[in-house]
């Protein structure tokens, strides 16, 4: 009977140790999960801020492009000879690309 008791007691102690390890593992996992949630929230705030900033910059770029077009059209109007009537004014391209003549070989 004493032997059976010692076996049961040993199994109980092992079970209790396993339960304590599991509890510690759960606590560690919960702490890690909490850190991930905080990091995610922080990144969410940063993303929101960057999206707003990007939107503002896009609006400013659009305003500057329109102003640049207006100034280019105005500048082109000053270069037109006085006696001639101008046709429709085309919006100038943003970049000018010239082609290098190819040699025929």
PDB file of N, CA and C in Angstrom:
ATOM      1  N   UNK A   1       0.817  -1.192   0.000  1.00  0.00           N
ATOM      2  CA  UNK A   1       0.000   0.000   0.000  1.00  0.00           C
ATOM      3  C   UNK A   1       0.861   1.256   0.000  1.00  0.00           C
ATOM      4  N   UNK A   2       1.949   1.254   0.711  1.00  0.00           N
ATOM      5  CA  UNK A   2       2.864   2.382   0.769  1.00  0.00           C
ATOM      6  C   UNK A   2       3.493   2.631  -0.598  1.00  0.00           C
ATOM      7  N   UNK A   3       3.765   1.580  -1.343  1.00  0.00           N
ATOM      8  CA  UNK A   3       4.343   1.698  -2.673  1.00  0.00           C
ATOM      9  C   UNK A   3       3.348   2.357  -3.621  1.00  0.00           C
ATOM     10  N   UNK A   4       2.099   1.953  -3.559  1.00  0.00           N
ATOM     11  CA  UNK A   4       1.062   2.554  -4.406  1.00  0.00           C
ATOM     12  C   UNK A   4       0.911   4.038  -4.102  1.00  0.00           C
ATOM     13  N   UNK A   5       0.970   4.366  -2.821  1.00  0.00           N
ATOM     14  CA  UNK A   5       0.846   5.766  -2.413  1.00  0.00           C
ATOM     15  C   UNK A   5       1.999   6.584  -2.997  1.00  0.00           C
ATOM     16  N   UNK A   6       3.222   6.057  -2.912  1.00  0.00           N
ATOM     17  CA  UNK A   6       4.394   6.764  -3.441  1.00  0.00           C
ATOM     18  C   UNK A   6       4.290   6.946  -4.960  1.00  0.00           C
ATOM     19  N   UNK A   7       3.770   5.948  -5.663  1.00  0.00           N
ATOM     20  CA  UNK A   7       3.594   6.048  -7.115  1.00  0.00           C
ATOM     21  C   UNK A   7       2.574   7.134  -7.445  1.00  0.00           C
ATOM     22  N   UNK A   8       1.453   7.111  -6.742  1.00  0.00           N
ATOM     23  CA  UNK A   8       0.402   8.112  -6.973  1.00  0.00           C
ATOM     24  C   UNK A   8       0.917   9.504  -6.617  1.00  0.00           C
ATOM     25  N   UNK A   9       1.658   9.602  -5.506  1.00  0.00           N
ATOM     26  CA  UNK A   9       2.217  10.886  -5.075  1.00  0.00           C
ATOM     27  C   UNK A   9       3.202  11.409  -6.128  1.00  0.00           C
ATOM     28  N   UNK A  10       4.046  10.543  -6.663  1.00  0.00           N
ATOM     29  CA  UNK A  10       5.018  10.926  -7.690  1.00  0.00           C
ATOM     30  C   UNK A  10       4.303  11.403  -8.956  1.00  0.00           C
ATOM     31  N   UNK A  11       3.259  10.689  -9.354  1.00  0.00           N
ATOM     32  CA  UNK A  11       2.483  11.092 -10.530  1.00  0.00           C
ATOM     33  C   UNK A  11       1.808  12.443 -10.299  1.00  0.00           C
ATOM     34  N   UNK A  12       1.303  12.638  -9.079  1.00  0.00           N
ATOM     35  CA  UNK A  12       0.649  13.897  -8.738  1.00  0.00           C
ATOM     36  C   UNK A  12       1.653  15.055  -8.822  1.00  0.00           C
ATOM     37  N   UNK A  13       2.850  14.862  -8.268  1.00  0.00           N
ATOM     38  CA  UNK A  13       3.872  15.910  -8.295  1.00  0.00           C
ATOM     39  C   UNK A  13       4.272  16.241  -9.736  1.00  0.00           C
ATOM     40  N   UNK A  14       4.416  15.203 -10.553  1.00  0.00           N
ATOM     41  CA  UNK A  14       4.757  15.423 -11.966  1.00  0.00           C
ATOM     42  C   UNK A  14       3.641  16.196 -12.666  1.00  0.00           C
ATOM     43  N   UNK A  15       2.397  15.821 -12.400  1.00  0.00           N
ATOM     44  CA  UNK A  15       1.250  16.513 -12.992  1.00  0.00           C
ATOM     45  C   UNK A  15       1.223  17.971 -12.553  1.00  0.00           C
ATOM     46  N   UNK A  16       1.488  18.230 -11.276  1.00  0.00           N
ATOM     47  CA  UNK A  16       1.488  19.605 -10.760  1.00  0.00           C
ATOM     48  C   UNK A  16       2.617  20.424 -11.406  1.00  0.00           C
ATOM     49  N   UNK A  17       3.804  19.818 -11.573  1.00  0.00           N
ATOM     50  CA  UNK A  17       4.911  20.509 -12.238  1.00  0.00           C
ATOM     51  C   UNK A  17       4.550  20.834 -13.691  1.00  0.00           C
ATOM     52  N   UNK A  18       3.949  19.866 -14.369  1.00  0.00           N
ATOM     53  CA  UNK A  18       3.520  20.094 -15.754  1.00  0.00           C
ATOM     54  C   UNK A  18       2.492  21.217 -15.836  1.00  0.00           C
ATOM     55  N   UNK A  19       1.566  21.248 -14.879  1.00  0.00           N
ATOM     56  CA  UNK A  19       0.549  22.309 -14.858  1.00  0.00           C
ATOM     57  C   UNK A  19       1.203  23.666 -14.624  1.00  0.00           C
ATOM     58  N   UNK A  20       2.180  23.727 -13.710  1.00  0.00           N
ATOM     59  CA  UNK A  20       2.874  24.994 -13.453  1.00  0.00           C
ATOM     60  C   UNK A  20       3.635  25.466 -14.696  1.00  0.00           C
ATOM     61  N   UNK A  21       4.275  24.517 -15.405  1.00  0.00           N
ATOM     62  CA  UNK A  21       4.969  24.876 -16.644  1.00  0.00           C
ATOM     63  C   UNK A  21       3.982  25.415 -17.673  1.00  0.00           C
ATOM     64  N   UNK A  22       2.817  24.774 -17.756  1.00  0.00           N
ATOM     65  CA  UNK A  22       1.797  25.214 -18.702  1.00  0.00           C
ATOM     66  C   UNK A  22       1.292  26.607 -18.330  1.00  0.00           C
ATOM     67  N   UNK A  23       1.090  26.855 -17.045  1.00  0.00           N
ATOM     68  CA  UNK A  23       0.630  28.172 -16.593  1.00  0.00           C
ATOM     69  C   UNK A  23       1.670  29.232 -16.942  1.00  0.00           C
ATOM     70  N   UNK A  24       2.955  28.934 -16.697  1.00  0.00           N
ATOM     71  CA  UNK A  24       4.021  29.886 -17.027  1.00  0.00           C
ATOM     72  C   UNK A  24       4.078  30.138 -18.538  1.00  0.00           C
ATOM     73  N   UNK A  25       3.875  29.090 -19.307  1.00  0.00           N
ATOM     74  CA  UNK A  25       3.861  29.231 -20.761  1.00  0.00           C
ATOM     75  C   UNK A  25       2.699  30.111 -21.208  1.00  0.00           C
ATOM     76  N   UNK A  26       1.535  29.920 -20.610  1.00  0.00           N
ATOM     77  CA  UNK A  26       0.361  30.735 -20.946  1.00  0.00           C
ATOM     78  C   UNK A  26       0.603  32.189 -20.574  1.00  0.00           C
ATOM     79  N   UNK A  27       1.188  32.425 -19.397  1.00  0.00           N
ATOM     80  CA  UNK A  27       1.478  33.794 -18.959  1.00  0.00           C
ATOM     81  C   UNK A  27       2.461  34.454 -19.930  1.00  0.00           C
ATOM     82  N   UNK A  28       3.505  33.715 -20.329  1.00  0.00           N
ATOM     83  CA  UNK A  28       4.472  34.245 -21.293  1.00  0.00           C
ATOM     84  C   UNK A  28       3.823  34.558 -22.632  1.00  0.00           C
ATOM     85  N   UNK A  29       2.949  33.676 -23.085  1.00  0.00           N
ATOM     86  CA  UNK A  29       2.247  33.892 -24.358  1.00  0.00           C
ATOM     87  C   UNK A  29       1.326  35.098 -24.283  1.00  0.00           C
ATOM     88  N   UNK A  30       0.659  35.265 -23.147  1.00  0.00           N
ATOM     89  CA  UNK A  30      -0.230  36.419 -22.981  1.00  0.00           C
ATOM     90  C   UNK A  30       0.574  37.720 -22.986  1.00  0.00           C
ATOM     91  N   UNK A  31       1.741  37.717 -22.331  1.00  0.00           N
ATOM     92  CA  UNK A  31       2.587  38.910 -22.308  1.00  0.00           C
ATOM     93  C   UNK A  31       3.070  39.250 -23.719  1.00  0.00           C
ATOM     94  N   UNK A  32       3.494  38.225 -24.456  1.00  0.00           N
ATOM     95  CA  UNK A  32       3.957  38.433 -25.831  1.00  0.00           C
ATOM     96  C   UNK A  32       2.814  38.951 -26.708  1.00  0.00           C
ATOM     97  N   UNK A  33       1.631  38.397 -26.513  1.00  0.00           N
ATOM     98  CA  UNK A  33       0.457  38.842 -27.268  1.00  0.00           C
ATOM     99  C   UNK A  33       0.147  40.306 -26.958  1.00  0.00           C
ATOM    100  N   UNK A  34       0.261  40.681 -25.689  1.00  0.00           N
ATOM    101  CA  UNK A  34       0.018  42.067 -25.286  1.00  0.00           C
ATOM    102  C   UNK A  34       1.022  43.004 -25.971  1.00  0.00           C
ATOM    103  N   UNK A  35       2.297  42.588 -26.027  1.00  0.00           N
ATOM    104  CA  UNK A  35       3.319  43.400 -26.688  1.00  0.00           C
ATOM    105  C   UNK A  35       3.020  43.548 -28.180  1.00  0.00           C
ATOM    106  N   UNK A  36       2.587  42.457 -28.812  1.00  0.00           N
ATOM    107  CA  UNK A  36       2.253  42.519 -30.239  1.00  0.00           C
ATOM    108  C   UNK A  36       1.073  43.452 -30.490  1.00  0.00           C
ATOM    109  N   UNK A  37       0.078  43.411 -29.614  1.00  0.00           N
ATOM    110  CA  UNK A  37      -1.086  44.296 -29.759  1.00  0.00           C
ATOM    111  C   UNK A  37      -0.648  45.753 -29.638  1.00  0.00           C
ATOM    112  N   UNK A  38       0.239  46.042 -28.666  1.00  0.00           N
ATOM    113  CA  UNK A  38       0.726  47.414 -28.495  1.00  0.00           C
ATOM    114  C   UNK A  38       1.532  47.862 -29.712  1.00  0.00           C
ATOM    115  N   UNK A  39       2.390  46.970 -30.229  1.00  0.00           N
ATOM    116  CA  UNK A  39       3.163  47.303 -31.430  1.00  0.00           C
ATOM    117  C   UNK A  39       2.236  47.562 -32.611  1.00  0.00           C
ATOM    118  N   UNK A  40       1.228  46.714 -32.769  1.00  0.00           N
ATOM    119  CA  UNK A  40       0.281  46.862 -33.873  1.00  0.00           C
ATOM    120  C   UNK A  40      -0.449  48.203 -33.775  1.00  0.00           C
ATOM    121  N   UNK A  41      -0.850  48.574 -32.574  1.00  0.00           N
ATOM    122  CA  UNK A  41      -1.536  49.846 -32.369  1.00  0.00           C
ATOM    123  C   UNK A  41      -0.606  51.007 -32.731  1.00  0.00           C
ATOM    124  N   UNK A  42       0.651  50.896 -32.304  1.00  0.00           N
ATOM    125  CA  UNK A  42       1.630  51.940 -32.610  1.00  0.00           C
ATOM    126  C   UNK A  42       1.824  52.075 -34.116  1.00  0.00           C
ATOM    127  N   UNK A  43       1.952  50.936 -34.811  1.00  0.00           N
ATOM    128  CA  UNK A  43       2.117  50.979 -36.268  1.00  0.00           C
ATOM    129  C   UNK A  43       0.862  51.516 -36.943  1.00  0.00           C
ATOM    130  N   UNK A  44      -0.287  51.216 -36.392  1.00  0.00           N
ATOM    131  CA  UNK A  44      -1.542  51.712 -36.956  1.00  0.00           C
ATOM    132  C   UNK A  44      -1.589  53.238 -36.883  1.00  0.00           C
ATOM    133  N   UNK A  45      -1.164  53.779 -35.749  1.00  0.00           N
ATOM    134  CA  UNK A  45      -1.136  55.236 -35.592  1.00  0.00           C
ATOM    135  C   UNK A  45      -0.144  55.849 -36.575  1.00  0.00           C
ATOM    136  N   UNK A  46       1.046  55.225 -36.699  1.00  0.00           N
ATOM    137  CA  UNK A  46       2.049  55.739 -37.633  1.00  0.00           C
ATOM    138  C   UNK A  46       1.541  55.680 -39.070  1.00  0.00           C
ATOM    139  N   UNK A  47       0.883  54.575 -39.440  1.00  0.00           N
ATOM    140  CA  UNK A  47       0.358  54.437 -40.795  1.00  0.00           C
ATOM    141  C   UNK A  47      -0.679  55.517 -41.079  1.00  0.00           C
ATOM    142  N   UNK A  48      -1.568  55.753 -40.115  1.00  0.00           N
ATOM    143  CA  UNK A  48      -2.594  56.778 -40.288  1.00  0.00           C
ATOM    144  C   UNK A  48      -1.948  58.145 -40.498  1.00  0.00           C
ATOM    145  N   UNK A  49      -0.936  58.446 -39.693  1.00  0.00           N
ATOM    146  CA  UNK A  49      -0.239  59.729 -39.817  1.00  0.00           C
ATOM    147  C   UNK A  49       0.424  59.856 -41.190  1.00  0.00           C
ATOM    148  N   UNK A  50       1.095  58.785 -41.631  1.00  0.00           N
ATOM    149  CA  UNK A  50       1.780  58.825 -42.929  1.00  0.00           C
ATOM    150  C   UNK A  50       0.795  58.935 -44.088  1.00  0.00           C
ATOM    151  N   UNK A  51      -0.356  58.271 -43.982  1.00  0.00           N
ATOM    152  CA  UNK A  51      -1.363  58.380 -45.039  1.00  0.00           C
ATOM    153  C   UNK A  51      -1.899  59.801 -45.142  1.00  0.00           C
ATOM    154  N   UNK A  52      -2.129  60.431 -43.996  1.00  0.00           N
ATOM    155  CA  UNK A  52      -2.599  61.821 -44.013  1.00  0.00           C
ATOM    156  C   UNK A  52      -1.537  62.736 -44.620  1.00  0.00           C
ATOM    157  N   UNK A  53      -0.286  62.515 -44.216  1.00  0.00           N
ATOM    158  CA  UNK A  53       0.805  63.327 -44.745  1.00  0.00           C
ATOM    159  C   UNK A  53       0.948  63.124 -46.256  1.00  0.00           C
ATOM    160  N   UNK A  54       0.821  61.881 -46.705  1.00  0.00           N
ATOM    161  CA  UNK A  54       0.912  61.575 -48.136  1.00  0.00           C
ATOM    162  C   UNK A  54      -0.208  62.273 -48.905  1.00  0.00           C
ATOM    163  N   UNK A  55      -1.409  62.260 -48.359  1.00  0.00           N
ATOM    164  CA  UNK A  55      -2.542  62.928 -49.002  1.00  0.00           C
ATOM    165  C   UNK A  55      -2.280  64.426 -49.120  1.00  0.00           C
ATOM    166  N   UNK A  56      -1.769  65.025 -48.043  1.00  0.00           N
ATOM    167  CA  UNK A  56      -1.461  66.457 -48.080  1.00  0.00           C
ATOM    168  C   UNK A  56      -0.387  66.761 -49.121  1.00  0.00           C
ATOM    169  N   UNK A  57       0.645  65.910 -49.170  1.00  0.00           N
ATOM    170  CA  UNK A  57       1.714  66.125 -50.151  1.00  0.00           C
ATOM    171  C   UNK A  57       1.193  65.973 -51.575  1.00  0.00           C
ATOM    172  N   UNK A  58       0.317  65.002 -51.805  1.00  0.00           N
ATOM    173  CA  UNK A  58      -0.265  64.830 -53.141  1.00  0.00           C
ATOM    174  C   UNK A  58      -1.069  66.056 -53.550  1.00  0.00           C
ATOM    175  N   UNK A  59      -1.810  66.630 -52.608  1.00  0.00           N
ATOM    176  CA  UNK A  59      -2.578  67.841 -52.909  1.00  0.00           C
ATOM    177  C   UNK A  59      -1.640  68.996 -53.253  1.00  0.00           C
ATOM    178  N   UNK A  60      -0.549  69.122 -52.485  1.00  0.00           N
ATOM    179  CA  UNK A  60       0.407  70.201 -52.746  1.00  0.00           C
ATOM    180  C   UNK A  60       1.086  70.015 -54.100  1.00  0.00           C
ATOM    181  N   UNK A  61       1.429  68.776 -54.434  1.00  0.00           N
ATOM    182  CA  UNK A  61       2.042  68.496 -55.737  1.00  0.00           C
ATOM    183  C   UNK A  61       1.070  68.864 -56.851  1.00  0.00           C
ATOM    184  N   UNK A  62      -0.190  68.516 -56.682  1.00  0.00           N
ATOM    185  CA  UNK A  62      -1.199  68.847 -57.690  1.00  0.00           C
ATOM    186  C   UNK A  62      -1.316  70.360 -57.860  1.00  0.00           C
ATOM    187  N   UNK A  63      -1.322  71.079 -56.754  1.00  0.00           N
ATOM    188  CA  UNK A  63      -1.404  72.547 -56.811  1.00  0.00           C
ATOM    189  C   UNK A  63      -0.184  73.109 -57.536  1.00  0.00           C
ATOM    190  N   UNK A  64       0.997  72.589 -57.199  1.00  0.00           N
ATOM    191  CA  UNK A  64       2.221  73.080 -57.843  1.00  0.00           C
ATOM    192  C   UNK A  64       2.256  72.751 -59.332  1.00  0.00           C
ATOM    193  N   UNK A  65       1.795  71.559 -59.711  1.00  0.00           N
ATOM    194  CA  UNK A  65       1.747  71.208 -61.135  1.00  0.00           C
ATOM    195  C   UNK A  65       0.799  72.127 -61.894  1.00  0.00           C
ATOM    196  N   UNK A  66      -0.359  72.406 -61.316  1.00  0.00           N
ATOM    197  CA  UNK A  66      -1.311  73.317 -61.965  1.00  0.00           C
ATOM    198  C   UNK A  66      -0.730  74.722 -62.086  1.00  0.00           C
ATOM    199  N   UNK A  67      -0.058  75.178 -61.038  1.00  0.00           N
ATOM    200  CA  UNK A  67       0.566  76.502 -61.080  1.00  0.00           C
ATOM    201  C   UNK A  67       1.670  76.536 -62.138  1.00  0.00           C
ATOM    202  N   UNK A  68       2.439  75.458 -62.220  1.00  0.00           N
ATOM    203  CA  UNK A  68       3.503  75.375 -63.224  1.00  0.00           C
ATOM    204  C   UNK A  68       2.911  75.412 -64.633  1.00  0.00           C
ATOM    205  N   UNK A  69       1.835  74.671 -64.868  1.00  0.00           N
ATOM    206  CA  UNK A  69       1.173  74.688 -66.180  1.00  0.00           C
ATOM    207  C   UNK A  69       0.684  76.095 -66.521  1.00  0.00           C
ATOM    208  N   UNK A  70       0.066  76.732 -65.532  1.00  0.00           N
ATOM    209  CA  UNK A  70      -0.450  78.082 -65.745  1.00  0.00           C
ATOM    210  C   UNK A  70       0.685  79.038 -66.105  1.00  0.00           C
ATOM    211  N   UNK A  71       1.800  78.937 -65.404  1.00  0.00           N
ATOM    212  CA  UNK A  71       2.931  79.818 -65.685  1.00  0.00           C
ATOM    213  C   UNK A  71       3.546  79.530 -67.055  1.00  0.00           C
ATOM    214  N   UNK A  72       3.615  78.245 -67.422  1.00  0.00           N
ATOM    215  CA  UNK A  72       4.158  77.902 -68.743  1.00  0.00           C
ATOM    216  C   UNK A  72       3.261  78.425 -69.860  1.00  0.00           C
ATOM    217  N   UNK A  73       1.951  78.304 -69.682  1.00  0.00           N
ATOM    218  CA  UNK A  73       1.009  78.825 -70.686  1.00  0.00           C
ATOM    219  C   UNK A  73       1.129  80.339 -70.758  1.00  0.00           C
ATOM    220  N   UNK A  74       1.247  80.979 -69.603  1.00  0.00           N
ATOM    221  CA  UNK A  74       1.396  82.434 -69.567  1.00  0.00           C
ATOM    222  C   UNK A  74       2.706  82.851 -70.245  1.00  0.00           C
ATOM    223  N   UNK A  75       3.767  82.109 -69.980  1.00  0.00           N
ATOM    224  CA  UNK A  75       5.059  82.406 -70.591  1.00  0.00           C
ATOM    225  C   UNK A  75       4.994  82.204 -72.105  1.00  0.00           C
ATOM    226  N   UNK A  76       4.327  81.157 -72.549  1.00  0.00           N
ATOM    227  CA  UNK A  76       4.186  80.905 -73.988  1.00  0.00           C
ATOM    228  C   UNK A  76       3.378  82.024 -74.635  1.00  0.00           C
ATOM    229  N   UNK A  77       2.412  82.574 -73.929  1.00  0.00           N
ATOM    230  CA  UNK A  77       1.598  83.670 -74.451  1.00  0.00           C
ATOM    231  C   UNK A  77       2.414  84.926 -74.670  1.00  0.00           C
ATOM    232  N   UNK A  78       3.412  85.175 -73.843  1.00  0.00           N
ATOM    233  CA  UNK A  78       4.256  86.360 -73.997  1.00  0.00           C
ATOM    234  C   UNK A  78       5.207  86.228 -75.181  1.00  0.00           C
ATOM    235  N   UNK A  79       5.530  84.996 -75.570  1.00  0.00           N
ATOM    236  CA  UNK A  79       6.452  84.777 -76.687  1.00  0.00           C
ATOM    237  C   UNK A  79       5.752  84.878 -78.039  1.00  0.00           C
ATOM    238  N   UNK A  80       4.433  84.849 -78.064  1.00  0.00           N
ATOM    239  CA  UNK A  80       3.665  84.898 -79.303  1.00  0.00           C
ATOM    240  C   UNK A  80       3.788  86.296 -79.919  1.00  0.00           C
ATOM    241  N   UNK A  81       4.034  86.391 -81.249  1.00  0.00           N
ATOM    242  CA  UNK A  81       4.108  87.714 -81.896  1.00  0.00           C
ATOM    243  C   UNK A  81       2.807  88.485 -81.695  1.00  0.00           C
ATOM    244  N   UNK A  82       2.924  89.802 -81.593  1.00  0.00           N
ATOM    245  CA  UNK A  82       1.799  90.655 -81.247  1.00  0.00           C
ATOM    246  C   UNK A  82       0.685  90.617 -82.280  1.00  0.00           C
ATOM    247  N   UNK A  83       0.998  90.643 -83.570  1.00  0.00           N
ATOM    248  CA  UNK A  83      -0.019  90.723 -84.608  1.00  0.00           C
ATOM    249  C   UNK A  83      -0.720  89.413 -84.894  1.00  0.00           C
ATOM    250  N   UNK A  84      -0.179  88.297 -84.459  1.00  0.00           N
ATOM    251  CA  UNK A  84      -0.761  87.002 -84.793  1.00  0.00           C
ATOM    252  C   UNK A  84      -1.723  86.550 -83.711  1.00  0.00           C
ATOM    253  N   UNK A  85      -2.747  85.890 -84.179  1.00  0.00           N
ATOM    254  CA  UNK A  85      -3.734  85.353 -83.257  1.00  0.00           C
ATOM    255  C   UNK A  85      -3.312  83.933 -82.888  1.00  0.00           C
ATOM    256  N   UNK A  86      -3.358  83.631 -81.619  1.00  0.00           N
ATOM    257  CA  UNK A  86      -2.960  82.292 -81.177  1.00  0.00           C
ATOM    258  C   UNK A  86      -4.108  81.317 -81.327  1.00  0.00           C
ATOM    259  N   UNK A  87      -3.741  80.104 -81.665  1.00  0.00           N
ATOM    260  CA  UNK A  87      -4.730  79.027 -81.695  1.00  0.00           C
ATOM    261  C   UNK A  87      -4.928  78.514 -80.275  1.00  0.00           C
ATOM    262  N   UNK A  88      -5.417  77.311 -80.190  1.00  0.00           N
ATOM    263  CA  UNK A  88      -5.621  76.747 -78.857  1.00  0.00           C
ATOM    264  C   UNK A  88      -4.263  76.489 -78.207  1.00  0.00           C
ATOM    265  N   UNK A  89      -4.195  76.749 -76.934  1.00  0.00           N
ATOM    266  CA  UNK A  89      -2.952  76.554 -76.190  1.00  0.00           C
ATOM    267  C   UNK A  89      -2.957  75.149 -75.619  1.00  0.00           C
ATOM    268  N   UNK A  90      -1.940  74.416 -75.987  1.00  0.00           N
ATOM    269  CA  UNK A  90      -1.830  73.063 -75.440  1.00  0.00           C
ATOM    270  C   UNK A  90      -1.084  73.129 -74.120  1.00  0.00           C
ATOM    271  N   UNK A  91      -1.444  72.249 -73.229  1.00  0.00           N
ATOM    272  CA  UNK A  91      -0.733  72.179 -71.959  1.00  0.00           C
ATOM    273  C   UNK A  91       0.630  71.545 -72.201  1.00  0.00           C
ATOM    274  N   UNK A  92       1.706  72.208 -71.789  1.00  0.00           N
ATOM    275  CA  UNK A  92       3.039  71.656 -72.016  1.00  0.00           C
ATOM    276  C   UNK A  92       3.231  70.356 -71.240  1.00  0.00           C
ATOM    277  N   UNK A  93       4.066  69.508 -71.791  1.00  0.00           N
ATOM    278  CA  UNK A  93       4.369  68.244 -71.115  1.00  0.00           C
ATOM    279  C   UNK A  93       5.205  68.531 -69.877  1.00  0.00           C
ATOM    280  N   UNK A  94       5.178  67.609 -68.948  1.00  0.00           N
ATOM    281  CA  UNK A  94       5.953  67.782 -67.716  1.00  0.00           C
ATOM    282  C   UNK A  94       7.449  67.655 -67.981  1.00  0.00           C
ATOM    283  N   UNK A  95       7.814  66.772 -68.875  1.00  0.00           N
ATOM    284  CA  UNK A  95       9.228  66.588 -69.197  1.00  0.00           C
ATOM    285  C   UNK A  95       9.388  66.643 -70.704  1.00  0.00           C
ATOM    286  N   UNK A  96      10.532  67.114 -71.127  1.00  0.00           N
ATOM    287  CA  UNK A  96      10.796  67.127 -72.563  1.00  0.00           C
ATOM    288  C   UNK A  96      11.836  66.065 -72.860  1.00  0.00           C
ATOM    289  N   UNK A  97      11.595  65.295 -73.894  1.00  0.00           N
ATOM    290  CA  UNK A  97      12.504  64.232 -74.292  1.00  0.00           C
ATOM    291  C   UNK A  97      12.878  64.475 -75.739  1.00  0.00           C
ATOM    292  N   UNK A  98      14.160  64.564 -76.000  1.00  0.00           N
ATOM    293  CA  UNK A  98      14.588  64.726 -77.381  1.00  0.00           C
ATOM    294  C   UNK A  98      15.210  63.421 -77.839  1.00  0.00           C
ATOM    295  N   UNK A  99      15.086  63.173 -79.138  1.00  0.00           N
ATOM    296  CA  UNK A  99      15.611  61.934 -79.690  1.00  0.00           C
ATOM    297  C   UNK A  99      16.917  62.210 -80.405  1.00  0.00           C
ATOM    298  N   UNK A 100      17.859  61.307 -80.189  1.00  0.00           N
ATOM    299  CA  UNK A 100      19.145  61.401 -80.864  1.00  0.00           C
ATOM    300  C   UNK A 100      19.001  60.719 -82.213  1.00  0.00           C
ATOM    301  N   UNK A 101      19.421  61.377 -83.312  1.00  0.00           N
ATOM    302  CA  UNK A 101      19.292  60.748 -84.634  1.00  0.00           C
ATOM    303  C   UNK A 101      20.092  59.447 -84.690  1.00  0.00           C
ATOM    304  N   UNK A 102      19.496  58.437 -85.297  1.00  0.00           N
ATOM    305  CA  UNK A 102      20.170  57.150 -85.434  1.00  0.00           C
ATOM    306  C   UNK A 102      20.969  57.144 -86.727  1.00  0.00           C
ATOM    307  N   UNK A 103      22.113  56.518 -86.668  1.00  0.00           N
ATOM    308  CA  UNK A 103      22.895  56.379 -87.899  1.00  0.00           C
ATOM    309  C   UNK A 103      22.449  55.110 -88.605  1.00  0.00           C
ATOM    310  N   UNK A 104      22.332  55.174 -89.928  1.00  0.00           N
ATOM    311  CA  UNK A 104      21.918  54.001 -90.708  1.00  0.00           C
ATOM    312  C   UNK A 104      23.142  53.174 -91.049  1.00  0.00           C
ATOM    313  N   UNK A 105      23.223  52.020 -90.491  1.00  0.00           N
ATOM    314  CA  UNK A 105      24.372  51.147 -90.750  1.00  0.00           C
ATOM    315  C   UNK A 105      23.947  49.924 -91.453  1.00  0.00           C
TER     316      UNK A 105
END
